[in-house]
Amino acid sequence: AHYAPELGRQRVFQLASGETAQPRQPNPGARGRIALDGKIQYEDLQRHWYQGWAFHDTGITDEFGVEQLQAALPAGAIPVLVVGARKDVRLVEEGRPLKADAGERVVWFGKKNGKEASG
């Protein structure tokens, strides 16, 4: 809410807010866009970090697309962002499908299990 006027609402993201009533919670129009899947809260990320989760990245190719990546990710892994071929960054947003083309990299948060593509 604080940076939206300066950066533009379309460039401000936040994690999902909790279900509990918060007396000083900004109205939805003043909030940023919801990042990730809309259910992930800060406490979830912190708990997973202490359980050994880390950030990883996987390259997308013509032979290994987003569908194959999602099938190969460990259970519960969270796609976070896409790094484009020109090093532009696109954060994964609630309600929008993960899109990445050959030559781009998907950064995800999870526990490596050896099954997913790496590189």
PDB file of N, CA and C in Angstrom:
ATOM      1  N   ALA A   1       0.835  -1.198   0.000  1.00  0.00           N
ATOM      2  CA  ALA A   1       0.000   0.000   0.000  1.00  0.00           C
ATOM      3  C   ALA A   1       0.872   1.251   0.000  1.00  0.00           C
ATOM      4  N   HIS A   2       2.000   1.179   0.702  1.00  0.00           N
ATOM      5  CA  HIS A   2       2.869   2.347   0.823  1.00  0.00           C
ATOM      6  C   HIS A   2       3.528   2.714  -0.518  1.00  0.00           C
ATOM      7  N   TYR A   3       3.953   1.734  -1.289  1.00  0.00           N
ATOM      8  CA  TYR A   3       4.687   2.008  -2.518  1.00  0.00           C
ATOM      9  C   TYR A   3       3.822   2.068  -3.768  1.00  0.00           C
ATOM     10  N   ALA A   4       2.584   1.669  -3.699  1.00  0.00           N
ATOM     11  CA  ALA A   4       1.719   1.660  -4.875  1.00  0.00           C
ATOM     12  C   ALA A   4       1.622   3.014  -5.568  1.00  0.00           C
ATOM     13  N   PRO A   5       1.464   4.137  -4.847  1.00  0.00           N
ATOM     14  CA  PRO A   5       1.395   5.422  -5.547  1.00  0.00           C
ATOM     15  C   PRO A   5       2.679   5.762  -6.310  1.00  0.00           C
ATOM     16  N   GLU A   6       3.823   5.372  -5.786  1.00  0.00           N
ATOM     17  CA  GLU A   6       5.084   5.693  -6.438  1.00  0.00           C
ATOM     18  C   GLU A   6       5.432   4.734  -7.567  1.00  0.00           C
ATOM     19  N   LEU A   7       5.211   3.448  -7.347  1.00  0.00           N
ATOM     20  CA  LEU A   7       5.601   2.438  -8.323  1.00  0.00           C
ATOM     21  C   LEU A   7       4.479   2.051  -9.279  1.00  0.00           C
ATOM     22  N   GLY A   8       3.257   2.298  -8.880  1.00  0.00           N
ATOM     23  CA  GLY A   8       2.102   1.829  -9.633  1.00  0.00           C
ATOM     24  C   GLY A   8       1.623   0.511  -9.059  1.00  0.00           C
ATOM     25  N   ARG A   9       0.328   0.386  -8.864  1.00  0.00           N
ATOM     26  CA  ARG A   9      -0.235  -0.826  -8.240  1.00  0.00           C
ATOM     27  C   ARG A   9       0.156  -2.087  -8.994  1.00  0.00           C
ATOM     28  N   GLN A  10       0.294  -1.997 -10.326  1.00  0.00           N
ATOM     29  CA  GLN A  10       0.635  -3.165 -11.131  1.00  0.00           C
ATOM     30  C   GLN A  10       2.041  -3.688 -10.852  1.00  0.00           C
ATOM     31  N   ARG A  11       2.862  -2.901 -10.150  1.00  0.00           N
ATOM     32  CA  ARG A  11       4.235  -3.312  -9.844  1.00  0.00           C
ATOM     33  C   ARG A  11       4.458  -3.618  -8.369  1.00  0.00           C
ATOM     34  N   VAL A  12       3.401  -3.648  -7.590  1.00  0.00           N
ATOM     35  CA  VAL A  12       3.516  -3.926  -6.159  1.00  0.00           C
ATOM     36  C   VAL A  12       2.839  -5.262  -5.869  1.00  0.00           C
ATOM     37  N   PHE A  13       3.590  -6.153  -5.232  1.00  0.00           N
ATOM     38  CA  PHE A  13       3.065  -7.476  -4.896  1.00  0.00           C
ATOM     39  C   PHE A  13       3.134  -7.685  -3.396  1.00  0.00           C
ATOM     40  N   GLN A  14       2.300  -8.590  -2.917  1.00  0.00           N
ATOM     41  CA  GLN A  14       2.317  -8.977  -1.514  1.00  0.00           C
ATOM     42  C   GLN A  14       1.899 -10.429  -1.416  1.00  0.00           C
ATOM     43  N   LEU A  15       2.205 -11.031  -0.300  1.00  0.00           N
ATOM     44  CA  LEU A  15       1.740 -12.389  -0.043  1.00  0.00           C
ATOM     45  C   LEU A  15       0.294 -12.321   0.417  1.00  0.00           C
ATOM     46  N   ALA A  16      -0.359 -13.459   0.427  1.00  0.00           N
ATOM     47  CA  ALA A  16      -1.747 -13.526   0.884  1.00  0.00           C
ATOM     48  C   ALA A  16      -1.831 -13.076   2.333  1.00  0.00           C
ATOM     49  N   SER A  17      -2.930 -12.450   2.682  1.00  0.00           N
ATOM     50  CA  SER A  17      -3.129 -12.052   4.069  1.00  0.00           C
ATOM     51  C   SER A  17      -3.866 -13.158   4.799  1.00  0.00           C
ATOM     52  N   GLY A  18      -3.712 -13.175   6.109  1.00  0.00           N
ATOM     53  CA  GLY A  18      -4.334 -14.207   6.931  1.00  0.00           C
ATOM     54  C   GLY A  18      -5.836 -14.042   7.010  1.00  0.00           C
ATOM     55  N   GLU A  19      -6.484 -15.069   7.509  1.00  0.00           N
ATOM     56  CA  GLU A  19      -7.933 -15.078   7.663  1.00  0.00           C
ATOM     57  C   GLU A  19      -8.393 -14.258   8.859  1.00  0.00           C
ATOM     58  N   THR A  20      -7.484 -13.959   9.777  1.00  0.00           N
ATOM     59  CA  THR A  20      -7.893 -13.245  10.985  1.00  0.00           C
ATOM     60  C   THR A  20      -8.174 -11.787  10.673  1.00  0.00           C
ATOM     61  N   ALA A  21      -9.071 -11.224  11.416  1.00  0.00           N
ATOM     62  CA  ALA A  21      -9.408  -9.812  11.219  1.00  0.00           C
ATOM     63  C   ALA A  21      -8.277  -8.952  11.763  1.00  0.00           C
ATOM     64  N   GLN A  22      -7.832  -8.023  10.955  1.00  0.00           N
ATOM     65  CA  GLN A  22      -6.775  -7.113  11.372  1.00  0.00           C
ATOM     66  C   GLN A  22      -7.346  -5.705  11.354  1.00  0.00           C
ATOM     67  N   PRO A  23      -7.284  -4.991  12.458  1.00  0.00           N
ATOM     68  CA  PRO A  23      -7.924  -3.682  12.528  1.00  0.00           C
ATOM     69  C   PRO A  23      -7.347  -2.648  11.565  1.00  0.00           C
ATOM     70  N   ARG A  24      -6.082  -2.765  11.187  1.00  0.00           N
ATOM     71  CA  ARG A  24      -5.462  -1.761  10.324  1.00  0.00           C
ATOM     72  C   ARG A  24      -5.179  -2.300   8.913  1.00  0.00           C
ATOM     73  N   GLN A  25      -5.896  -3.306   8.489  1.00  0.00           N
ATOM     74  CA  GLN A  25      -5.674  -3.884   7.168  1.00  0.00           C
ATOM     75  C   GLN A  25      -6.192  -2.925   6.089  1.00  0.00           C
ATOM     76  N   PRO A  26      -5.368  -2.596   5.059  1.00  0.00           N
ATOM     77  CA  PRO A  26      -5.826  -1.667   4.022  1.00  0.00           C
ATOM     78  C   PRO A  26      -6.942  -2.275   3.191  1.00  0.00           C
ATOM     79  N   ASN A  27      -7.762  -1.408   2.589  1.00  0.00           N
ATOM     80  CA  ASN A  27      -8.824  -1.932   1.751  1.00  0.00           C
ATOM     81  C   ASN A  27      -8.205  -2.557   0.504  1.00  0.00           C
ATOM     82  N   PRO A  28      -8.912  -3.480  -0.146  1.00  0.00           N
ATOM     83  CA  PRO A  28      -8.337  -4.220  -1.277  1.00  0.00           C
ATOM     84  C   PRO A  28      -7.826  -3.332  -2.404  1.00  0.00           C
ATOM     85  N   GLY A  29      -8.420  -2.188  -2.636  1.00  0.00           N
ATOM     86  CA  GLY A  29      -7.968  -1.306  -3.699  1.00  0.00           C
ATOM     87  C   GLY A  29      -6.619  -0.676  -3.427  1.00  0.00           C
ATOM     88  N   ALA A  30      -6.208  -0.615  -2.172  1.00  0.00           N
ATOM     89  CA  ALA A  30      -4.938  -0.009  -1.807  1.00  0.00           C
ATOM     90  C   ALA A  30      -3.820  -1.041  -1.681  1.00  0.00           C
ATOM     91  N   ARG A  31      -4.161  -2.296  -1.788  1.00  0.00           N
ATOM     92  CA  ARG A  31      -3.179  -3.352  -1.603  1.00  0.00           C
ATOM     93  C   ARG A  31      -2.478  -3.687  -2.907  1.00  0.00           C
ATOM     94  N   GLY A  32      -1.359  -4.397  -2.801  1.00  0.00           N
ATOM     95  CA  GLY A  32      -0.651  -4.868  -3.975  1.00  0.00           C
ATOM     96  C   GLY A  32      -1.315  -6.106  -4.547  1.00  0.00           C
ATOM     97  N   ARG A  33      -0.827  -6.524  -5.701  1.00  0.00           N
ATOM     98  CA  ARG A  33      -1.304  -7.759  -6.309  1.00  0.00           C
ATOM     99  C   ARG A  33      -0.790  -8.933  -5.482  1.00  0.00           C
ATOM    100  N   ILE A  34      -1.520 -10.027  -5.493  1.00  0.00           N
ATOM    101  CA  ILE A  34      -1.155 -11.190  -4.689  1.00  0.00           C
ATOM    102  C   ILE A  34      -0.153 -12.052  -5.461  1.00  0.00           C
ATOM    103  N   ALA A  35       0.983 -12.284  -4.843  1.00  0.00           N
ATOM    104  CA  ALA A  35       2.032 -13.100  -5.445  1.00  0.00           C
ATOM    105  C   ALA A  35       1.805 -14.580  -5.122  1.00  0.00           C
ATOM    106  N   LEU A  36       2.402 -15.412  -5.925  1.00  0.00           N
ATOM    107  CA  LEU A  36       2.399 -16.865  -5.776  1.00  0.00           C
ATOM    108  C   LEU A  36       0.991 -17.414  -5.973  1.00  0.00           C
ATOM    109  N   ASP A  37       0.553 -18.336  -5.138  1.00  0.00           N
ATOM    110  CA  ASP A  37      -0.748 -18.965  -5.415  1.00  0.00           C
ATOM    111  C   ASP A  37      -1.909 -18.373  -4.632  1.00  0.00           C
ATOM    112  N   GLY A  38      -1.687 -17.337  -3.877  1.00  0.00           N
ATOM    113  CA  GLY A  38      -2.769 -16.695  -3.146  1.00  0.00           C
ATOM    114  C   GLY A  38      -3.085 -17.319  -1.807  1.00  0.00           C
ATOM    115  N   LYS A  39      -2.444 -18.443  -1.496  1.00  0.00           N
ATOM    116  CA  LYS A  39      -2.651 -19.095  -0.205  1.00  0.00           C
ATOM    117  C   LYS A  39      -1.383 -19.047   0.647  1.00  0.00           C
ATOM    118  N   ILE A  40      -0.261 -18.770   0.015  1.00  0.00           N
ATOM    119  CA  ILE A  40       1.029 -18.776   0.700  1.00  0.00           C
ATOM    120  C   ILE A  40       1.189 -17.503   1.534  1.00  0.00           C
ATOM    121  N   GLN A  41       1.487 -17.697   2.802  1.00  0.00           N
ATOM    122  CA  GLN A  41       1.738 -16.578   3.706  1.00  0.00           C
ATOM    123  C   GLN A  41       3.198 -16.622   4.155  1.00  0.00           C
ATOM    124  N   TYR A  42       3.656 -15.522   4.697  1.00  0.00           N
ATOM    125  CA  TYR A  42       5.048 -15.417   5.139  1.00  0.00           C
ATOM    126  C   TYR A  42       5.424 -16.569   6.074  1.00  0.00           C
ATOM    127  N   GLU A  43       4.551 -16.904   6.999  1.00  0.00           N
ATOM    128  CA  GLU A  43       4.836 -17.960   7.968  1.00  0.00           C
ATOM    129  C   GLU A  43       5.058 -19.299   7.276  1.00  0.00           C
ATOM    130  N   ASP A  44       4.336 -19.551   6.177  1.00  0.00           N
ATOM    131  CA  ASP A  44       4.523 -20.790   5.415  1.00  0.00           C
ATOM    132  C   ASP A  44       5.927 -20.845   4.823  1.00  0.00           C
ATOM    133  N   LEU A  45       6.358 -19.741   4.216  1.00  0.00           N
ATOM    134  CA  LEU A  45       7.690 -19.685   3.626  1.00  0.00           C
ATOM    135  C   LEU A  45       8.764 -19.866   4.691  1.00  0.00           C
ATOM    136  N   GLN A  46       8.587 -19.210   5.814  1.00  0.00           N
ATOM    137  CA  GLN A  46       9.562 -19.312   6.898  1.00  0.00           C
ATOM    138  C   GLN A  46       9.638 -20.747   7.435  1.00  0.00           C
ATOM    139  N   ARG A  47       8.505 -21.381   7.644  1.00  0.00           N
ATOM    140  CA  ARG A  47       8.478 -22.753   8.151  1.00  0.00           C
ATOM    141  C   ARG A  47       9.189 -23.702   7.174  1.00  0.00           C
ATOM    142  N   HIS A  48       8.906 -23.559   5.892  1.00  0.00           N
ATOM    143  CA  HIS A  48       9.554 -24.406   4.885  1.00  0.00           C
ATOM    144  C   HIS A  48      11.068 -24.163   4.851  1.00  0.00           C
ATOM    145  N   TRP A  49      11.481 -22.904   5.000  1.00  0.00           N
ATOM    146  CA  TRP A  49      12.908 -22.589   5.002  1.00  0.00           C
ATOM    147  C   TRP A  49      13.607 -23.356   6.128  1.00  0.00           C
ATOM    148  N   TYR A  50      13.012 -23.349   7.303  1.00  0.00           N
ATOM    149  CA  TYR A  50      13.614 -24.057   8.429  1.00  0.00           C
ATOM    150  C   TYR A  50      13.545 -25.571   8.270  1.00  0.00           C
ATOM    151  N   GLN A  51      12.687 -26.049   7.382  1.00  0.00           N
ATOM    152  CA  GLN A  51      12.606 -27.476   7.091  1.00  0.00           C
ATOM    153  C   GLN A  51      13.577 -27.886   5.987  1.00  0.00           C
ATOM    154  N   GLY A  52      14.394 -26.960   5.527  1.00  0.00           N
ATOM    155  CA  GLY A  52      15.404 -27.294   4.538  1.00  0.00           C
ATOM    156  C   GLY A  52      15.074 -26.920   3.104  1.00  0.00           C
ATOM    157  N   TRP A  53      13.955 -26.239   2.876  1.00  0.00           N
ATOM    158  CA  TRP A  53      13.629 -25.802   1.523  1.00  0.00           C
ATOM    159  C   TRP A  53      14.599 -24.708   1.106  1.00  0.00           C
ATOM    160  N   ALA A  54      14.784 -24.561  -0.194  1.00  0.00           N
ATOM    161  CA  ALA A  54      15.669 -23.533  -0.732  1.00  0.00           C
ATOM    162  C   ALA A  54      15.132 -23.100  -2.092  1.00  0.00           C
ATOM    163  N   PHE A  55      15.747 -22.065  -2.646  1.00  0.00           N
ATOM    164  CA  PHE A  55      15.387 -21.603  -3.979  1.00  0.00           C
ATOM    165  C   PHE A  55      16.238 -22.333  -5.005  1.00  0.00           C
ATOM    166  N   HIS A  56      15.608 -22.750  -6.081  1.00  0.00           N
ATOM    167  CA  HIS A  56      16.269 -23.475  -7.165  1.00  0.00           C
ATOM    168  C   HIS A  56      15.777 -22.869  -8.478  1.00  0.00           C
ATOM    169  N   ASP A  57      16.513 -23.104  -9.541  1.00  0.00           N
ATOM    170  CA  ASP A  57      16.020 -22.651 -10.836  1.00  0.00           C
ATOM    171  C   ASP A  57      16.182 -23.769 -11.854  1.00  0.00           C
ATOM    172  N   THR A  58      15.267 -23.784 -12.792  1.00  0.00           N
ATOM    173  CA  THR A  58      15.249 -24.800 -13.835  1.00  0.00           C
ATOM    174  C   THR A  58      15.038 -24.121 -15.172  1.00  0.00           C
ATOM    175  N   GLY A  59      15.860 -24.491 -16.133  1.00  0.00           N
ATOM    176  CA  GLY A  59      15.737 -23.932 -17.472  1.00  0.00           C
ATOM    177  C   GLY A  59      14.616 -24.587 -18.255  1.00  0.00           C
ATOM    178  N   ILE A  60      13.943 -23.787 -19.040  1.00  0.00           N
ATOM    179  CA  ILE A  60      12.881 -24.269 -19.925  1.00  0.00           C
ATOM    180  C   ILE A  60      13.472 -24.384 -21.327  1.00  0.00           C
ATOM    181  N   THR A  61      13.198 -25.495 -21.987  1.00  0.00           N
ATOM    182  CA  THR A  61      13.679 -25.729 -23.337  1.00  0.00           C
ATOM    183  C   THR A  61      12.503 -26.108 -24.220  1.00  0.00           C
ATOM    184  N   ASP A  62      12.764 -26.309 -25.497  1.00  0.00           N
ATOM    185  CA  ASP A  62      11.697 -26.777 -26.392  1.00  0.00           C
ATOM    186  C   ASP A  62      11.228 -28.167 -25.989  1.00  0.00           C
ATOM    187  N   GLU A  63      12.138 -28.973 -25.443  1.00  0.00           N
ATOM    188  CA  GLU A  63      11.793 -30.343 -25.047  1.00  0.00           C
ATOM    189  C   GLU A  63      11.267 -30.440 -23.623  1.00  0.00           C
ATOM    190  N   PHE A  64      11.587 -29.467 -22.781  1.00  0.00           N
ATOM    191  CA  PHE A  64      11.192 -29.496 -21.369  1.00  0.00           C
ATOM    192  C   PHE A  64      10.483 -28.188 -21.049  1.00  0.00           C
ATOM    193  N   GLY A  65       9.160 -28.226 -21.172  1.00  0.00           N
ATOM    194  CA  GLY A  65       8.350 -27.030 -20.973  1.00  0.00           C
ATOM    195  C   GLY A  65       7.809 -26.910 -19.558  1.00  0.00           C
ATOM    196  N   VAL A  66       6.944 -25.949 -19.381  1.00  0.00           N
ATOM    197  CA  VAL A  66       6.357 -25.674 -18.065  1.00  0.00           C
ATOM    198  C   VAL A  66       5.569 -26.880 -17.551  1.00  0.00           C
ATOM    199  N   GLU A  67       4.854 -27.560 -18.427  1.00  0.00           N
ATOM    200  CA  GLU A  67       4.064 -28.715 -17.987  1.00  0.00           C
ATOM    201  C   GLU A  67       4.963 -29.805 -17.419  1.00  0.00           C
ATOM    202  N   GLN A  68       6.085 -30.072 -18.108  1.00  0.00           N
ATOM    203  CA  GLN A  68       7.014 -31.085 -17.619  1.00  0.00           C
ATOM    204  C   GLN A  68       7.660 -30.645 -16.300  1.00  0.00           C
ATOM    205  N   LEU A  69       7.976 -29.361 -16.198  1.00  0.00           N
ATOM    206  CA  LEU A  69       8.549 -28.849 -14.953  1.00  0.00           C
ATOM    207  C   LEU A  69       7.585 -29.053 -13.798  1.00  0.00           C
ATOM    208  N   GLN A  70       6.341 -28.651 -13.985  1.00  0.00           N
ATOM    209  CA  GLN A  70       5.369 -28.773 -12.901  1.00  0.00           C
ATOM    210  C   GLN A  70       5.167 -30.218 -12.485  1.00  0.00           C
ATOM    211  N   ALA A  71       5.229 -31.141 -13.440  1.00  0.00           N
ATOM    212  CA  ALA A  71       5.088 -32.559 -13.107  1.00  0.00           C
ATOM    213  C   ALA A  71       6.312 -33.091 -12.357  1.00  0.00           C
ATOM    214  N   ALA A  72       7.483 -32.497 -12.605  1.00  0.00           N
ATOM    215  CA  ALA A  72       8.720 -32.983 -12.004  1.00  0.00           C
ATOM    216  C   ALA A  72       9.054 -32.329 -10.659  1.00  0.00           C
ATOM    217  N   LEU A  73       8.400 -31.232 -10.340  1.00  0.00           N
ATOM    218  CA  LEU A  73       8.712 -30.550  -9.086  1.00  0.00           C
ATOM    219  C   LEU A  73       8.344 -31.409  -7.881  1.00  0.00           C
ATOM    220  N   PRO A  74       9.104 -31.285  -6.799  1.00  0.00           N
ATOM    221  CA  PRO A  74       8.764 -32.018  -5.576  1.00  0.00           C
ATOM    222  C   PRO A  74       7.400 -31.578  -5.035  1.00  0.00           C
ATOM    223  N   ALA A  75       6.780 -32.428  -4.262  1.00  0.00           N
ATOM    224  CA  ALA A  75       5.473 -32.115  -3.682  1.00  0.00           C
ATOM    225  C   ALA A  75       5.527 -30.812  -2.912  1.00  0.00           C
ATOM    226  N   GLY A  76       4.582 -29.941  -3.179  1.00  0.00           N
ATOM    227  CA  GLY A  76       4.464 -28.687  -2.463  1.00  0.00           C
ATOM    228  C   GLY A  76       5.343 -27.564  -2.963  1.00  0.00           C
ATOM    229  N   ALA A  77       6.246 -27.829  -3.905  1.00  0.00           N
ATOM    230  CA  ALA A  77       7.151 -26.795  -4.400  1.00  0.00           C
ATOM    231  C   ALA A  77       6.346 -25.627  -4.969  1.00  0.00           C
ATOM    232  N   ILE A  78       6.910 -24.431  -4.830  1.00  0.00           N
ATOM    233  CA  ILE A  78       6.204 -23.208  -5.196  1.00  0.00           C
ATOM    234  C   ILE A  78       6.970 -22.473  -6.291  1.00  0.00           C
ATOM    235  N   PRO A  79       6.430 -22.405  -7.521  1.00  0.00           N
ATOM    236  CA  PRO A  79       7.057 -21.555  -8.526  1.00  0.00           C
ATOM    237  C   PRO A  79       6.966 -20.102  -8.068  1.00  0.00           C
ATOM    238  N   VAL A  80       8.090 -19.371  -8.155  1.00  0.00           N
ATOM    239  CA  VAL A  80       8.154 -18.011  -7.618  1.00  0.00           C
ATOM    240  C   VAL A  80       8.240 -16.971  -8.724  1.00  0.00           C
ATOM    241  N   LEU A  81       9.150 -17.177  -9.658  1.00  0.00           N
ATOM    242  CA  LEU A  81       9.322 -16.181 -10.716  1.00  0.00           C
ATOM    243  C   LEU A  81       9.950 -16.800 -11.944  1.00  0.00           C
ATOM    244  N   VAL A  82       9.880 -16.050 -13.039  1.00  0.00           N
ATOM    245  CA  VAL A  82      10.479 -16.457 -14.303  1.00  0.00           C
ATOM    246  C   VAL A  82      11.513 -15.402 -14.676  1.00  0.00           C
ATOM    247  N   VAL A  83      12.702 -15.860 -15.021  1.00  0.00           N
ATOM    248  CA  VAL A  83      13.745 -14.963 -15.508  1.00  0.00           C
ATOM    249  C   VAL A  83      13.785 -15.138 -17.015  1.00  0.00           C
ATOM    250  N   GLY A  84      13.489 -14.060 -17.719  1.00  0.00           N
ATOM    251  CA  GLY A  84      13.432 -14.097 -19.169  1.00  0.00           C
ATOM    252  C   GLY A  84      14.801 -14.162 -19.813  1.00  0.00           C
ATOM    253  N   ALA A  85      14.816 -14.399 -21.110  1.00  0.00           N
ATOM    254  CA  ALA A  85      16.067 -14.499 -21.857  1.00  0.00           C
ATOM    255  C   ALA A  85      16.878 -13.207 -21.783  1.00  0.00           C
ATOM    256  N   ARG A  86      16.200 -12.081 -21.620  1.00  0.00           N
ATOM    257  CA  ARG A  86      16.892 -10.786 -21.502  1.00  0.00           C
ATOM    258  C   ARG A  86      17.063 -10.365 -20.042  1.00  0.00           C
ATOM    259  N   LYS A  87      16.951 -11.346 -19.130  1.00  0.00           N
ATOM    260  CA  LYS A  87      17.120 -11.130 -17.682  1.00  0.00           C
ATOM    261  C   LYS A  87      15.998 -10.307 -17.058  1.00  0.00           C
ATOM    262  N   ASP A  88      14.871 -10.152 -17.749  1.00  0.00           N
ATOM    263  CA  ASP A  88      13.709  -9.528 -17.128  1.00  0.00           C
ATOM    264  C   ASP A  88      13.108 -10.534 -16.158  1.00  0.00           C
ATOM    265  N   VAL A  89      12.440 -10.046 -15.135  1.00  0.00           N
ATOM    266  CA  VAL A  89      11.899 -10.910 -14.089  1.00  0.00           C
ATOM    267  C   VAL A  89      10.389 -10.726 -14.024  1.00  0.00           C
ATOM    268  N   ARG A  90       9.666 -11.860 -14.009  1.00  0.00           N
ATOM    269  CA  ARG A  90       8.209 -11.838 -13.881  1.00  0.00           C
ATOM    270  C   ARG A  90       7.823 -12.691 -12.677  1.00  0.00           C
ATOM    271  N   LEU A  91       7.239 -12.059 -11.684  1.00  0.00           N
ATOM    272  CA  LEU A  91       6.804 -12.757 -10.483  1.00  0.00           C
ATOM    273  C   LEU A  91       5.543 -13.561 -10.794  1.00  0.00           C
ATOM    274  N   VAL A  92       5.450 -14.757 -10.244  1.00  0.00           N
ATOM    275  CA  VAL A  92       4.251 -15.572 -10.407  1.00  0.00           C
ATOM    276  C   VAL A  92       3.129 -14.902  -9.629  1.00  0.00           C
ATOM    277  N   GLU A  93       1.972 -14.789 -10.260  1.00  0.00           N
ATOM    278  CA  GLU A  93       0.854 -14.062  -9.662  1.00  0.00           C
ATOM    279  C   GLU A  93      -0.362 -14.968  -9.485  1.00  0.00           C
ATOM    280  N   GLU A  94      -1.073 -14.741  -8.407  1.00  0.00           N
ATOM    281  CA  GLU A  94      -2.284 -15.500  -8.113  1.00  0.00           C
ATOM    282  C   GLU A  94      -3.253 -15.423  -9.285  1.00  0.00           C
ATOM    283  N   GLY A  95      -3.826 -16.557  -9.624  1.00  0.00           N
ATOM    284  CA  GLY A  95      -4.858 -16.607 -10.654  1.00  0.00           C
ATOM    285  C   GLY A  95      -4.352 -16.591 -12.077  1.00  0.00           C
ATOM    286  N   ARG A  96      -3.046 -16.562 -12.264  1.00  0.00           N
ATOM    287  CA  ARG A  96      -2.485 -16.581 -13.621  1.00  0.00           C
ATOM    288  C   ARG A  96      -1.622 -17.815 -13.773  1.00  0.00           C
ATOM    289  N   PRO A  97      -1.757 -18.507 -14.896  1.00  0.00           N
ATOM    290  CA  PRO A  97      -0.946 -19.723 -15.079  1.00  0.00           C
ATOM    291  C   PRO A  97       0.531 -19.373 -15.232  1.00  0.00           C
ATOM    292  N   LEU A  98       1.366 -20.279 -14.812  1.00  0.00           N
ATOM    293  CA  LEU A  98       2.805 -20.135 -14.983  1.00  0.00           C
ATOM    294  C   LEU A  98       3.116 -20.230 -16.468  1.00  0.00           C
ATOM    295  N   LYS A  99       3.798 -19.232 -16.991  1.00  0.00           N
ATOM    296  CA  LYS A  99       4.181 -19.216 -18.399  1.00  0.00           C
ATOM    297  C   LYS A  99       5.671 -18.951 -18.498  1.00  0.00           C
ATOM    298  N   ALA A 100       6.352 -19.762 -19.268  1.00  0.00           N
ATOM    299  CA  ALA A 100       7.772 -19.571 -19.543  1.00  0.00           C
ATOM    300  C   ALA A 100       8.071 -20.223 -20.888  1.00  0.00           C
ATOM    301  N   ASP A 101       8.909 -19.575 -21.648  1.00  0.00           N
ATOM    302  CA  ASP A 101       9.277 -20.063 -22.968  1.00  0.00           C
ATOM    303  C   ASP A 101      10.685 -20.642 -22.943  1.00  0.00           C
ATOM    304  N   ALA A 102      11.032 -21.349 -24.004  1.00  0.00           N
ATOM    305  CA  ALA A 102      12.375 -21.904 -24.133  1.00  0.00           C
ATOM    306  C   ALA A 102      13.390 -20.777 -23.980  1.00  0.00           C
ATOM    307  N   GLY A 103      14.440 -21.041 -23.230  1.00  0.00           N
ATOM    308  CA  GLY A 103      15.472 -20.047 -22.971  1.00  0.00           C
ATOM    309  C   GLY A 103      15.257 -19.270 -21.679  1.00  0.00           C
ATOM    310  N   GLU A 104      14.097 -19.442 -21.054  1.00  0.00           N
ATOM    311  CA  GLU A 104      13.819 -18.773 -19.787  1.00  0.00           C
ATOM    312  C   GLU A 104      14.044 -19.752 -18.639  1.00  0.00           C
ATOM    313  N   ARG A 105      14.146 -19.212 -17.433  1.00  0.00           N
ATOM    314  CA  ARG A 105      14.373 -20.033 -16.245  1.00  0.00           C
ATOM    315  C   ARG A 105      13.258 -19.781 -15.239  1.00  0.00           C
ATOM    316  N   VAL A 106      12.800 -20.841 -14.611  1.00  0.00           N
ATOM    317  CA  VAL A 106      11.786 -20.737 -13.566  1.00  0.00           C
ATOM    318  C   VAL A 106      12.479 -20.928 -12.228  1.00  0.00           C
ATOM    319  N   VAL A 107      12.303 -19.970 -11.335  1.00  0.00           N
ATOM    320  CA  VAL A 107      12.831 -20.071  -9.976  1.00  0.00           C
ATOM    321  C   VAL A 107      11.696 -20.600  -9.102  1.00  0.00           C
ATOM    322  N   TRP A 108      11.997 -21.637  -8.340  1.00  0.00           N
ATOM    323  CA  TRP A 108      10.986 -22.247  -7.488  1.00  0.00           C
ATOM    324  C   TRP A 108      11.571 -22.476  -6.098  1.00  0.00           C
ATOM    325  N   PHE A 109      10.668 -22.572  -5.127  1.00  0.00           N
ATOM    326  CA  PHE A 109      11.034 -22.757  -3.733  1.00  0.00           C
ATOM    327  C   PHE A 109      10.544 -24.124  -3.310  1.00  0.00           C
ATOM    328  N   GLY A 110      11.463 -24.975  -2.875  1.00  0.00           N
ATOM    329  CA  GLY A 110      11.063 -26.317  -2.475  1.00  0.00           C
ATOM    330  C   GLY A 110      12.268 -27.114  -2.013  1.00  0.00           C
ATOM    331  N   LYS A 111      11.988 -28.364  -1.736  1.00  0.00           N
ATOM    332  CA  LYS A 111      13.030 -29.272  -1.284  1.00  0.00           C
ATOM    333  C   LYS A 111      13.426 -30.142  -2.464  1.00  0.00           C
ATOM    334  N   LYS A 112      14.681 -30.145  -2.803  1.00  0.00           N
ATOM    335  CA  LYS A 112      15.135 -30.961  -3.939  1.00  0.00           C
ATOM    336  C   LYS A 112      14.974 -32.427  -3.608  1.00  0.00           C
ATOM    337  N   ASN A 113      14.470 -33.166  -4.585  1.00  0.00           N
ATOM    338  CA  ASN A 113      14.332 -34.595  -4.380  1.00  0.00           C
ATOM    339  C   ASN A 113      15.053 -35.412  -5.450  1.00  0.00           C
ATOM    340  N   GLY A 114      15.760 -34.727  -6.364  1.00  0.00           N
ATOM    341  CA  GLY A 114      16.515 -35.435  -7.371  1.00  0.00           C
ATOM    342  C   GLY A 114      15.732 -35.786  -8.611  1.00  0.00           C
ATOM    343  N   LYS A 115      14.388 -35.638  -8.599  1.00  0.00           N
ATOM    344  CA  LYS A 115      13.587 -36.000  -9.759  1.00  0.00           C
ATOM    345  C   LYS A 115      13.438 -34.851 -10.737  1.00  0.00           C
ATOM    346  N   GLU A 116      13.480 -33.623 -10.247  1.00  0.00           N
ATOM    347  CA  GLU A 116      13.225 -32.482 -11.121  1.00  0.00           C
ATOM    348  C   GLU A 116      14.458 -32.169 -11.957  1.00  0.00           C
ATOM    349  N   ALA A 117      14.229 -31.499 -13.062  1.00  0.00           N
ATOM    350  CA  ALA A 117      15.339 -31.074 -13.906  1.00  0.00           C
ATOM    351  C   ALA A 117      16.069 -29.951 -13.212  1.00  0.00           C
ATOM    352  N   SER A 118      17.344 -29.953 -13.290  1.00  0.00           N
ATOM    353  CA  SER A 118      18.114 -28.849 -12.746  1.00  0.00           C
ATOM    354  C   SER A 118      19.094 -28.389 -13.802  1.00  0.00           C
ATOM    355  N   GLY A 119      19.508 -27.155 -13.658  1.00  0.00           N
ATOM    356  CA  GLY A 119      20.488 -26.694 -14.619  1.00  0.00           C
ATOM    357  C   GLY A 119      20.174 -25.396 -15.158  1.00  0.00           C
TER     358      GLY A 119
END
